[in-house]
Amino acid sequence: MLHLKLLLSISFIIACCVGGYARAQIPDGTFFIVQKANQYLAADLLLKAKIHDSKGNIFGDVEDLILNENNQVEGVIIGIGGFLGVGEKRIGVQYKALQFTNKNGKTVLSLPLATKELLQTIPEYQRAKPPKSFLESVTERAKELSSKTAESTKDAYDKMKTAVQSGTAYEQAKEAAANVFK
């Protein structure tokens, strides 16, 4: 029980030392903190959205965005046909061809020119570059996580090292431990 109290006391002191350092100033014009009324997130409105034809029938869903060299949205990739992704055809549609309407407080996406015959006729979208393989995606993600962990760990280590070398962390822990044993 005494070991637990000592460990908790030391952990508290360390947390206080690490958390007490100043944070970086956030530069203006770089980050979004709050979503504005005239902004929307692609994941909320576009990605995975069901696409309707002119009669209101759902014929596909948005699977990806097509960006130009300036990283502006030019179009969407819509998956049509198939069942649970098997046998599905992916077609490219220009963004300006989509129609956004509000029905009962919900945004509905439609492609008014879509007919069953037209959708069967349209060839599948051809990528210029092949998609990343599963292994490439996993390797990228592992490097990202490793880098983030190394940065955050090094920062915490450096702060604790400074506190320990200055003697303040040790003295505070010793004081806290003495109070526990009284």
N, C-alpha and C. Protein backbone atom coordinates (compact mmCIF):
# COMPACT_ATOMS: atom_id res chain seq x y z
N MET A 1 0.82 -1.19 0.00
CA MET A 1 0.00 0.00 0.00
C MET A 1 0.86 1.25 0.00
N LEU A 2 1.98 1.20 0.77
CA LEU A 2 2.87 2.35 0.81
C LEU A 2 3.52 2.60 -0.54
N HIS A 3 3.85 1.49 -1.23
CA HIS A 3 4.45 1.64 -2.56
C HIS A 3 3.48 2.31 -3.52
N LEU A 4 2.22 1.97 -3.43
CA LEU A 4 1.19 2.56 -4.30
C LEU A 4 1.07 4.05 -4.04
N LYS A 5 1.04 4.45 -2.75
CA LYS A 5 0.95 5.86 -2.40
C LYS A 5 2.19 6.63 -2.90
N LEU A 6 3.36 6.04 -2.73
CA LEU A 6 4.58 6.67 -3.18
C LEU A 6 4.57 6.82 -4.70
N LEU A 7 4.15 5.78 -5.40
CA LEU A 7 4.09 5.81 -6.85
C LEU A 7 3.11 6.89 -7.33
N LEU A 8 1.95 6.96 -6.68
CA LEU A 8 0.96 7.99 -7.04
C LEU A 8 1.49 9.39 -6.77
N SER A 9 2.19 9.57 -5.67
CA SER A 9 2.76 10.88 -5.35
C SER A 9 3.79 11.30 -6.39
N ILE A 10 4.67 10.39 -6.74
CA ILE A 10 5.71 10.69 -7.74
C ILE A 10 5.06 10.96 -9.09
N SER A 11 4.07 10.19 -9.47
CA SER A 11 3.37 10.39 -10.74
C SER A 11 2.71 11.76 -10.79
N PHE A 12 2.12 12.19 -9.66
CA PHE A 12 1.48 13.50 -9.59
C PHE A 12 2.51 14.60 -9.78
N ILE A 13 3.63 14.48 -9.14
CA ILE A 13 4.69 15.49 -9.25
C ILE A 13 5.19 15.57 -10.69
N ILE A 14 5.42 14.43 -11.30
CA ILE A 14 5.89 14.40 -12.68
C ILE A 14 4.87 15.06 -13.60
N ALA A 15 3.60 14.74 -13.41
CA ALA A 15 2.55 15.33 -14.24
C ALA A 15 2.52 16.84 -14.09
N CYS A 16 2.70 17.32 -12.87
CA CYS A 16 2.71 18.77 -12.63
C CYS A 16 3.90 19.42 -13.32
N CYS A 17 5.06 18.77 -13.25
CA CYS A 17 6.26 19.33 -13.87
C CYS A 17 6.13 19.38 -15.39
N VAL A 18 5.66 18.31 -15.97
CA VAL A 18 5.53 18.23 -17.43
C VAL A 18 4.45 19.17 -17.93
N GLY A 19 3.35 19.26 -17.24
CA GLY A 19 2.22 20.07 -17.70
C GLY A 19 2.42 21.55 -17.49
N GLY A 20 3.43 21.95 -16.73
CA GLY A 20 3.60 23.35 -16.39
C GLY A 20 4.32 24.19 -17.42
N TYR A 21 4.77 23.65 -18.50
CA TYR A 21 5.52 24.40 -19.49
C TYR A 21 4.59 25.17 -20.42
N ALA A 22 5.09 26.27 -20.96
CA ALA A 22 4.28 27.12 -21.85
C ALA A 22 4.00 26.41 -23.17
N ARG A 23 2.86 26.70 -23.72
CA ARG A 23 2.47 26.12 -25.01
C ARG A 23 2.84 27.09 -26.12
N ALA A 24 2.99 26.57 -27.33
CA ALA A 24 3.35 27.40 -28.48
C ALA A 24 2.19 28.32 -28.86
N GLN A 25 2.52 29.49 -29.37
CA GLN A 25 1.51 30.44 -29.85
C GLN A 25 0.93 29.91 -31.16
N ILE A 26 -0.39 29.92 -31.29
CA ILE A 26 -1.05 29.42 -32.50
C ILE A 26 -1.05 30.53 -33.54
N PRO A 27 -0.43 30.29 -34.71
CA PRO A 27 -0.37 31.34 -35.74
C PRO A 27 -1.73 31.58 -36.38
N ASP A 28 -2.02 32.86 -36.69
CA ASP A 28 -3.27 33.22 -37.36
C ASP A 28 -3.24 32.76 -38.80
N GLY A 29 -4.40 32.44 -39.35
CA GLY A 29 -4.53 32.09 -40.76
C GLY A 29 -4.01 30.72 -41.15
N THR A 30 -3.81 29.85 -40.17
CA THR A 30 -3.27 28.52 -40.48
C THR A 30 -4.23 27.40 -40.11
N PHE A 31 -4.89 27.50 -38.97
CA PHE A 31 -5.71 26.41 -38.47
C PHE A 31 -7.17 26.80 -38.37
N PHE A 32 -8.06 25.82 -38.51
CA PHE A 32 -9.48 25.99 -38.25
C PHE A 32 -9.73 25.47 -36.84
N ILE A 33 -10.38 26.26 -36.02
CA ILE A 33 -10.70 25.83 -34.67
C ILE A 33 -12.18 25.45 -34.60
N VAL A 34 -13.02 26.21 -35.29
CA VAL A 34 -14.46 26.01 -35.27
C VAL A 34 -14.99 26.02 -36.70
N GLN A 35 -15.90 25.11 -36.99
CA GLN A 35 -16.53 25.06 -38.30
C GLN A 35 -17.48 26.25 -38.45
N LYS A 36 -17.36 26.98 -39.56
CA LYS A 36 -18.23 28.12 -39.82
C LYS A 36 -19.53 27.63 -40.45
N ALA A 37 -20.54 28.47 -40.40
CA ALA A 37 -21.87 28.11 -40.92
C ALA A 37 -21.84 27.80 -42.41
N ASN A 38 -20.94 28.45 -43.17
CA ASN A 38 -20.89 28.24 -44.62
C ASN A 38 -19.88 27.15 -45.02
N GLN A 39 -19.36 26.39 -44.07
CA GLN A 39 -18.42 25.31 -44.36
C GLN A 39 -19.08 23.97 -44.09
N TYR A 40 -18.63 22.96 -44.81
CA TYR A 40 -19.06 21.60 -44.52
C TYR A 40 -17.87 20.67 -44.68
N LEU A 41 -17.95 19.54 -44.04
CA LEU A 41 -16.90 18.53 -44.13
C LEU A 41 -17.29 17.51 -45.19
N ALA A 42 -16.35 17.14 -46.02
CA ALA A 42 -16.63 16.18 -47.09
C ALA A 42 -17.20 14.89 -46.52
N ALA A 43 -16.72 14.48 -45.36
CA ALA A 43 -17.21 13.23 -44.75
C ALA A 43 -18.68 13.34 -44.35
N ASP A 44 -19.14 14.55 -44.04
CA ASP A 44 -20.54 14.74 -43.64
C ASP A 44 -21.48 14.85 -44.82
N LEU A 45 -21.03 15.46 -45.90
CA LEU A 45 -21.94 15.77 -47.01
C LEU A 45 -21.69 14.94 -48.26
N LEU A 46 -20.43 14.69 -48.59
CA LEU A 46 -20.12 14.04 -49.86
C LEU A 46 -19.74 12.58 -49.76
N LEU A 47 -18.71 12.29 -48.99
CA LEU A 47 -18.19 10.92 -48.95
C LEU A 47 -19.24 9.97 -48.38
N LYS A 48 -19.51 8.92 -49.10
CA LYS A 48 -20.51 7.88 -48.77
C LYS A 48 -21.94 8.36 -48.97
N ALA A 49 -22.12 9.57 -49.51
CA ALA A 49 -23.48 10.08 -49.75
C ALA A 49 -24.14 9.26 -50.86
N LYS A 50 -25.43 9.01 -50.70
CA LYS A 50 -26.21 8.30 -51.71
C LYS A 50 -26.54 9.28 -52.83
N ILE A 51 -26.45 8.80 -54.07
CA ILE A 51 -26.75 9.63 -55.24
C ILE A 51 -28.07 9.17 -55.85
N HIS A 52 -28.93 10.13 -56.11
CA HIS A 52 -30.27 9.87 -56.64
C HIS A 52 -30.34 10.26 -58.11
N ASP A 53 -31.21 9.58 -58.85
CA ASP A 53 -31.46 9.98 -60.24
C ASP A 53 -32.57 11.02 -60.23
N SER A 54 -33.03 11.43 -61.41
CA SER A 54 -34.07 12.48 -61.49
C SER A 54 -35.41 12.04 -60.90
N LYS A 55 -35.63 10.74 -60.77
CA LYS A 55 -36.88 10.23 -60.20
C LYS A 55 -36.79 10.01 -58.69
N GLY A 56 -35.60 10.27 -58.13
CA GLY A 56 -35.43 10.10 -56.69
C GLY A 56 -34.92 8.74 -56.28
N ASN A 57 -34.64 7.88 -57.24
CA ASN A 57 -34.12 6.53 -56.94
C ASN A 57 -32.62 6.60 -56.66
N ILE A 58 -32.17 5.88 -55.66
CA ILE A 58 -30.74 5.82 -55.35
C ILE A 58 -30.07 4.85 -56.32
N PHE A 59 -28.99 5.31 -56.96
CA PHE A 59 -28.30 4.41 -57.89
C PHE A 59 -26.83 4.20 -57.54
N GLY A 60 -26.30 4.93 -56.56
CA GLY A 60 -24.90 4.77 -56.20
C GLY A 60 -24.54 5.63 -55.00
N ASP A 61 -23.25 5.61 -54.66
CA ASP A 61 -22.77 6.44 -53.57
C ASP A 61 -21.38 6.99 -53.89
N VAL A 62 -21.09 8.14 -53.29
CA VAL A 62 -19.80 8.80 -53.53
C VAL A 62 -18.73 8.04 -52.76
N GLU A 63 -17.70 7.63 -53.48
CA GLU A 63 -16.62 6.87 -52.86
C GLU A 63 -15.33 7.66 -52.73
N ASP A 64 -15.15 8.68 -53.56
CA ASP A 64 -13.91 9.45 -53.51
C ASP A 64 -14.12 10.79 -54.20
N LEU A 65 -13.15 11.67 -54.03
CA LEU A 65 -13.18 12.97 -54.67
C LEU A 65 -12.09 13.03 -55.73
N ILE A 66 -12.34 13.77 -56.80
CA ILE A 66 -11.34 14.00 -57.84
C ILE A 66 -10.86 15.44 -57.67
N LEU A 67 -9.56 15.59 -57.41
CA LEU A 67 -8.97 16.91 -57.21
C LEU A 67 -8.10 17.29 -58.41
N ASN A 68 -8.02 18.59 -58.69
CA ASN A 68 -7.14 19.04 -59.77
C ASN A 68 -5.76 19.38 -59.21
N GLU A 69 -4.89 19.92 -60.05
CA GLU A 69 -3.52 20.22 -59.62
C GLU A 69 -3.46 21.29 -58.53
N ASN A 70 -4.53 22.06 -58.37
CA ASN A 70 -4.61 23.08 -57.31
C ASN A 70 -5.34 22.55 -56.07
N ASN A 71 -5.57 21.26 -56.04
CA ASN A 71 -6.26 20.59 -54.93
C ASN A 71 -7.69 21.08 -54.72
N GLN A 72 -8.34 21.48 -55.81
CA GLN A 72 -9.74 21.86 -55.76
C GLN A 72 -10.57 20.68 -56.27
N VAL A 73 -11.75 20.50 -55.68
CA VAL A 73 -12.62 19.39 -56.08
C VAL A 73 -13.17 19.65 -57.47
N GLU A 74 -12.89 18.72 -58.39
CA GLU A 74 -13.41 18.81 -59.76
C GLU A 74 -14.54 17.83 -59.99
N GLY A 75 -14.52 16.76 -59.22
CA GLY A 75 -15.53 15.74 -59.43
C GLY A 75 -15.55 14.72 -58.31
N VAL A 76 -16.38 13.71 -58.51
CA VAL A 76 -16.51 12.63 -57.52
C VAL A 76 -16.45 11.28 -58.24
N ILE A 77 -16.08 10.28 -57.49
CA ILE A 77 -16.14 8.90 -57.98
C ILE A 77 -17.38 8.29 -57.35
N ILE A 78 -18.27 7.78 -58.19
CA ILE A 78 -19.50 7.17 -57.70
C ILE A 78 -19.46 5.68 -58.01
N GLY A 79 -19.73 4.89 -56.98
CA GLY A 79 -19.83 3.44 -57.15
C GLY A 79 -21.27 3.09 -57.49
N ILE A 80 -21.44 2.38 -58.61
CA ILE A 80 -22.80 2.00 -59.04
C ILE A 80 -22.87 0.49 -59.26
N GLY A 81 -24.05 -0.06 -59.09
CA GLY A 81 -24.26 -1.49 -59.32
C GLY A 81 -23.58 -2.32 -58.26
N GLY A 82 -23.58 -3.60 -58.47
CA GLY A 82 -22.92 -4.53 -57.55
C GLY A 82 -23.69 -4.70 -56.26
N PHE A 83 -23.12 -5.51 -55.39
CA PHE A 83 -23.71 -5.79 -54.09
C PHE A 83 -22.59 -5.82 -53.07
N LEU A 84 -22.66 -4.93 -52.07
CA LEU A 84 -21.64 -4.81 -51.04
C LEU A 84 -20.24 -4.64 -51.65
N GLY A 85 -20.15 -3.87 -52.71
CA GLY A 85 -18.87 -3.58 -53.34
C GLY A 85 -18.41 -4.60 -54.35
N VAL A 86 -19.06 -5.76 -54.43
CA VAL A 86 -18.68 -6.80 -55.39
C VAL A 86 -19.43 -6.55 -56.69
N GLY A 87 -18.69 -6.50 -57.79
CA GLY A 87 -19.30 -6.26 -59.09
C GLY A 87 -19.66 -4.80 -59.32
N GLU A 88 -19.16 -3.93 -58.48
CA GLU A 88 -19.46 -2.50 -58.57
C GLU A 88 -18.61 -1.84 -59.65
N LYS A 89 -19.18 -0.86 -60.33
CA LYS A 89 -18.47 -0.07 -61.33
C LYS A 89 -18.30 1.32 -60.74
N ARG A 90 -17.10 1.87 -60.87
CA ARG A 90 -16.81 3.21 -60.36
C ARG A 90 -16.73 4.18 -61.54
N ILE A 91 -17.58 5.20 -61.50
CA ILE A 91 -17.60 6.19 -62.58
C ILE A 91 -17.20 7.56 -62.04
N GLY A 92 -16.61 8.37 -62.90
CA GLY A 92 -16.24 9.73 -62.55
C GLY A 92 -17.33 10.69 -63.00
N VAL A 93 -17.72 11.61 -62.12
CA VAL A 93 -18.77 12.59 -62.44
C VAL A 93 -18.24 13.97 -62.09
N GLN A 94 -18.42 14.93 -62.99
CA GLN A 94 -17.99 16.29 -62.71
C GLN A 94 -18.82 16.87 -61.58
N TYR A 95 -18.18 17.60 -60.71
CA TYR A 95 -18.84 18.16 -59.52
C TYR A 95 -20.01 19.06 -59.91
N LYS A 96 -19.82 19.84 -60.98
CA LYS A 96 -20.87 20.78 -61.39
C LYS A 96 -22.12 20.06 -61.91
N ALA A 97 -22.01 18.77 -62.24
CA ALA A 97 -23.17 18.02 -62.72
C ALA A 97 -24.06 17.53 -61.57
N LEU A 98 -23.52 17.55 -60.35
CA LEU A 98 -24.30 17.12 -59.19
C LEU A 98 -25.25 18.24 -58.76
N GLN A 99 -26.38 17.84 -58.24
CA GLN A 99 -27.36 18.81 -57.76
C GLN A 99 -27.58 18.56 -56.26
N PHE A 100 -27.45 19.63 -55.49
CA PHE A 100 -27.65 19.56 -54.05
C PHE A 100 -28.99 20.20 -53.72
N THR A 101 -29.88 19.46 -53.08
CA THR A 101 -31.16 20.01 -52.67
C THR A 101 -31.39 19.68 -51.20
N ASN A 102 -32.25 20.45 -50.58
CA ASN A 102 -32.56 20.24 -49.18
C ASN A 102 -33.98 19.68 -49.08
N LYS A 103 -34.11 18.49 -48.55
CA LYS A 103 -35.42 17.85 -48.36
C LYS A 103 -35.57 17.46 -46.91
N ASN A 104 -36.55 18.04 -46.26
CA ASN A 104 -36.83 17.75 -44.85
C ASN A 104 -35.61 17.97 -43.96
N GLY A 105 -34.86 19.04 -44.24
CA GLY A 105 -33.69 19.37 -43.43
C GLY A 105 -32.44 18.56 -43.74
N LYS A 106 -32.50 17.70 -44.75
CA LYS A 106 -31.33 16.90 -45.12
C LYS A 106 -30.89 17.25 -46.53
N THR A 107 -29.59 17.24 -46.76
CA THR A 107 -29.06 17.50 -48.08
C THR A 107 -29.12 16.22 -48.90
N VAL A 108 -29.70 16.34 -50.09
CA VAL A 108 -29.84 15.20 -51.00
C VAL A 108 -29.02 15.50 -52.25
N LEU A 109 -28.18 14.56 -52.65
CA LEU A 109 -27.39 14.70 -53.86
C LEU A 109 -28.04 13.93 -54.99
N SER A 110 -28.08 14.56 -56.15
CA SER A 110 -28.65 13.86 -57.30
C SER A 110 -27.85 14.18 -58.55
N LEU A 111 -27.97 13.31 -59.51
CA LEU A 111 -27.40 13.49 -60.83
C LEU A 111 -28.59 13.41 -61.79
N PRO A 112 -29.21 14.56 -62.09
CA PRO A 112 -30.45 14.58 -62.86
C PRO A 112 -30.37 13.91 -64.23
N LEU A 113 -29.19 13.89 -64.85
CA LEU A 113 -29.06 13.30 -66.18
C LEU A 113 -28.93 11.77 -66.15
N ALA A 114 -28.83 11.21 -64.95
CA ALA A 114 -28.61 9.76 -64.83
C ALA A 114 -29.86 8.97 -65.20
N THR A 115 -29.68 8.04 -66.12
CA THR A 115 -30.71 7.06 -66.45
C THR A 115 -30.06 5.69 -66.38
N LYS A 116 -30.86 4.67 -66.29
CA LYS A 116 -30.32 3.32 -66.23
C LYS A 116 -29.47 3.02 -67.46
N GLU A 117 -29.94 3.43 -68.64
CA GLU A 117 -29.22 3.18 -69.89
C GLU A 117 -27.90 3.93 -69.93
N LEU A 118 -27.92 5.20 -69.49
CA LEU A 118 -26.70 6.01 -69.50
C LEU A 118 -25.67 5.43 -68.55
N LEU A 119 -26.10 5.02 -67.36
CA LEU A 119 -25.17 4.46 -66.37
C LEU A 119 -24.54 3.15 -66.85
N GLN A 120 -25.29 2.38 -67.62
CA GLN A 120 -24.75 1.13 -68.16
C GLN A 120 -23.74 1.42 -69.27
N THR A 121 -23.94 2.53 -69.98
CA THR A 121 -23.10 2.88 -71.12
C THR A 121 -21.77 3.51 -70.69
N ILE A 122 -21.79 4.28 -69.62
CA ILE A 122 -20.59 5.01 -69.18
C ILE A 122 -19.49 4.04 -68.81
N PRO A 123 -18.28 4.25 -69.35
CA PRO A 123 -17.16 3.37 -68.98
C PRO A 123 -16.67 3.65 -67.56
N GLU A 124 -16.03 2.66 -66.99
CA GLU A 124 -15.48 2.81 -65.65
C GLU A 124 -14.37 3.85 -65.65
N TYR A 125 -14.27 4.60 -64.57
CA TYR A 125 -13.23 5.64 -64.41
C TYR A 125 -11.86 4.98 -64.40
N GLN A 126 -10.94 5.52 -65.20
CA GLN A 126 -9.58 4.98 -65.28
C GLN A 126 -8.61 5.88 -64.53
N ARG A 127 -7.95 5.33 -63.55
CA ARG A 127 -6.96 6.08 -62.77
C ARG A 127 -5.67 6.24 -63.57
N ALA A 128 -5.00 7.39 -63.39
CA ALA A 128 -3.70 7.60 -64.03
C ALA A 128 -2.60 6.88 -63.25
N LYS A 129 -2.76 6.83 -61.93
CA LYS A 129 -1.80 6.15 -61.06
C LYS A 129 -2.54 5.02 -60.34
N PRO A 130 -1.90 3.89 -60.16
CA PRO A 130 -2.57 2.81 -59.42
C PRO A 130 -2.72 3.20 -57.95
N PRO A 131 -3.75 2.69 -57.29
CA PRO A 131 -3.92 3.00 -55.87
C PRO A 131 -2.79 2.38 -55.05
N LYS A 132 -2.57 2.93 -53.86
CA LYS A 132 -1.55 2.37 -52.97
C LYS A 132 -1.98 0.96 -52.57
N SER A 133 -1.00 0.11 -52.44
CA SER A 133 -1.30 -1.24 -51.98
C SER A 133 -1.58 -1.20 -50.48
N PHE A 134 -2.18 -2.25 -49.97
CA PHE A 134 -2.46 -2.34 -48.54
C PHE A 134 -1.18 -2.22 -47.75
N LEU A 135 -0.12 -2.88 -48.22
CA LEU A 135 1.17 -2.85 -47.52
C LEU A 135 1.73 -1.43 -47.49
N GLU A 136 1.63 -0.69 -48.61
CA GLU A 136 2.12 0.69 -48.65
C GLU A 136 1.35 1.57 -47.66
N SER A 137 0.03 1.40 -47.61
CA SER A 137 -0.80 2.18 -46.69
C SER A 137 -0.46 1.89 -45.24
N VAL A 138 -0.29 0.62 -44.91
CA VAL A 138 0.04 0.23 -43.54
C VAL A 138 1.43 0.73 -43.16
N THR A 139 2.39 0.63 -44.07
CA THR A 139 3.74 1.10 -43.80
C THR A 139 3.75 2.61 -43.56
N GLU A 140 3.03 3.36 -44.39
CA GLU A 140 2.91 4.81 -44.21
C GLU A 140 2.35 5.15 -42.84
N ARG A 141 1.28 4.46 -42.46
CA ARG A 141 0.62 4.71 -41.18
C ARG A 141 1.55 4.37 -40.02
N ALA A 142 2.29 3.29 -40.13
CA ALA A 142 3.22 2.90 -39.07
C ALA A 142 4.32 3.95 -38.90
N LYS A 143 4.84 4.48 -40.01
CA LYS A 143 5.87 5.52 -39.94
C LYS A 143 5.31 6.78 -39.29
N GLU A 144 4.08 7.12 -39.64
CA GLU A 144 3.43 8.30 -39.07
C GLU A 144 3.28 8.15 -37.55
N LEU A 145 2.76 7.00 -37.11
CA LEU A 145 2.58 6.77 -35.68
C LEU A 145 3.91 6.74 -34.94
N SER A 146 4.91 6.13 -35.55
CA SER A 146 6.23 6.07 -34.94
C SER A 146 6.81 7.46 -34.77
N SER A 147 6.66 8.29 -35.78
CA SER A 147 7.17 9.65 -35.73
C SER A 147 6.46 10.46 -34.65
N LYS A 148 5.13 10.35 -34.59
CA LYS A 148 4.36 11.08 -33.58
C LYS A 148 4.75 10.64 -32.18
N THR A 149 4.90 9.34 -31.98
CA THR A 149 5.25 8.82 -30.66
C THR A 149 6.64 9.28 -30.26
N ALA A 150 7.58 9.23 -31.19
CA ALA A 150 8.95 9.66 -30.89
C ALA A 150 8.99 11.13 -30.51
N GLU A 151 8.25 11.97 -31.23
CA GLU A 151 8.23 13.40 -30.93
C GLU A 151 7.65 13.68 -29.56
N SER A 152 6.48 13.09 -29.26
CA SER A 152 5.83 13.37 -27.98
C SER A 152 6.63 12.78 -26.82
N THR A 153 7.22 11.62 -27.01
CA THR A 153 8.01 11.01 -25.96
C THR A 153 9.27 11.81 -25.69
N LYS A 154 9.94 12.27 -26.74
CA LYS A 154 11.16 13.06 -26.58
C LYS A 154 10.86 14.35 -25.84
N ASP A 155 9.76 15.00 -26.15
CA ASP A 155 9.38 16.25 -25.51
C ASP A 155 9.17 16.02 -24.01
N ALA A 156 8.40 15.00 -23.66
CA ALA A 156 8.14 14.69 -22.25
C ALA A 156 9.44 14.31 -21.54
N TYR A 157 10.30 13.54 -22.21
CA TYR A 157 11.57 13.13 -21.63
C TYR A 157 12.45 14.35 -21.35
N ASP A 158 12.54 15.26 -22.31
CA ASP A 158 13.37 16.46 -22.14
C ASP A 158 12.88 17.32 -20.98
N LYS A 159 11.56 17.46 -20.85
CA LYS A 159 11.00 18.25 -19.75
C LYS A 159 11.31 17.60 -18.39
N MET A 160 11.15 16.29 -18.32
CA MET A 160 11.43 15.59 -17.07
C MET A 160 12.91 15.63 -16.74
N LYS A 161 13.75 15.51 -17.75
CA LYS A 161 15.20 15.53 -17.54
C LYS A 161 15.61 16.86 -16.93
N THR A 162 15.03 17.95 -17.47
CA THR A 162 15.34 19.28 -16.95
C THR A 162 14.87 19.41 -15.50
N ALA A 163 13.65 18.92 -15.24
CA ALA A 163 13.12 19.01 -13.88
C ALA A 163 13.94 18.18 -12.90
N VAL A 164 14.36 17.00 -13.32
CA VAL A 164 15.16 16.12 -12.45
C VAL A 164 16.54 16.73 -12.22
N GLN A 165 17.18 17.25 -13.28
CA GLN A 165 18.51 17.82 -13.15
C GLN A 165 18.51 19.07 -12.27
N SER A 166 17.43 19.82 -12.32
CA SER A 166 17.35 21.03 -11.48
C SER A 166 17.06 20.67 -10.02
N GLY A 167 16.67 19.43 -9.79
CA GLY A 167 16.42 18.98 -8.42
C GLY A 167 15.00 19.22 -7.94
N THR A 168 14.22 19.97 -8.69
CA THR A 168 12.88 20.30 -8.21
C THR A 168 11.96 19.09 -8.19
N ALA A 169 12.04 18.24 -9.16
CA ALA A 169 11.16 17.07 -9.21
C ALA A 169 11.48 16.12 -8.06
N TYR A 170 12.76 15.93 -7.81
CA TYR A 170 13.16 15.01 -6.74
C TYR A 170 12.72 15.54 -5.38
N GLU A 171 12.94 16.84 -5.15
CA GLU A 171 12.56 17.43 -3.86
C GLU A 171 11.05 17.37 -3.65
N GLN A 172 10.28 17.66 -4.71
CA GLN A 172 8.82 17.63 -4.60
C GLN A 172 8.33 16.20 -4.34
N ALA A 173 8.93 15.24 -5.01
CA ALA A 173 8.54 13.84 -4.81
C ALA A 173 8.91 13.37 -3.40
N LYS A 174 10.07 13.79 -2.94
CA LYS A 174 10.53 13.42 -1.60
C LYS A 174 9.60 14.01 -0.53
N GLU A 175 9.21 15.27 -0.75
CA GLU A 175 8.28 15.94 0.17
C GLU A 175 6.93 15.24 0.18
N ALA A 176 6.40 14.93 -1.00
CA ALA A 176 5.11 14.26 -1.11
C ALA A 176 5.15 12.89 -0.45
N ALA A 177 6.26 12.17 -0.65
CA ALA A 177 6.41 10.84 -0.06
C ALA A 177 6.47 10.93 1.47
N ALA A 178 7.16 11.95 1.96
CA ALA A 178 7.26 12.11 3.41
C ALA A 178 5.89 12.39 4.02
N ASN A 179 5.08 13.18 3.30
CA ASN A 179 3.73 13.47 3.79
C ASN A 179 2.85 12.21 3.80
N VAL A 180 3.06 11.33 2.86
CA VAL A 180 2.28 10.09 2.80
C VAL A 180 2.61 9.19 3.98
N PHE A 181 3.88 9.17 4.39
CA PHE A 181 4.29 8.26 5.44
C PHE A 181 4.08 8.83 6.83
N LYS A 182 3.65 10.07 6.97
CA LYS A 182 3.39 10.66 8.30
C LYS A 182 2.13 10.15 8.90
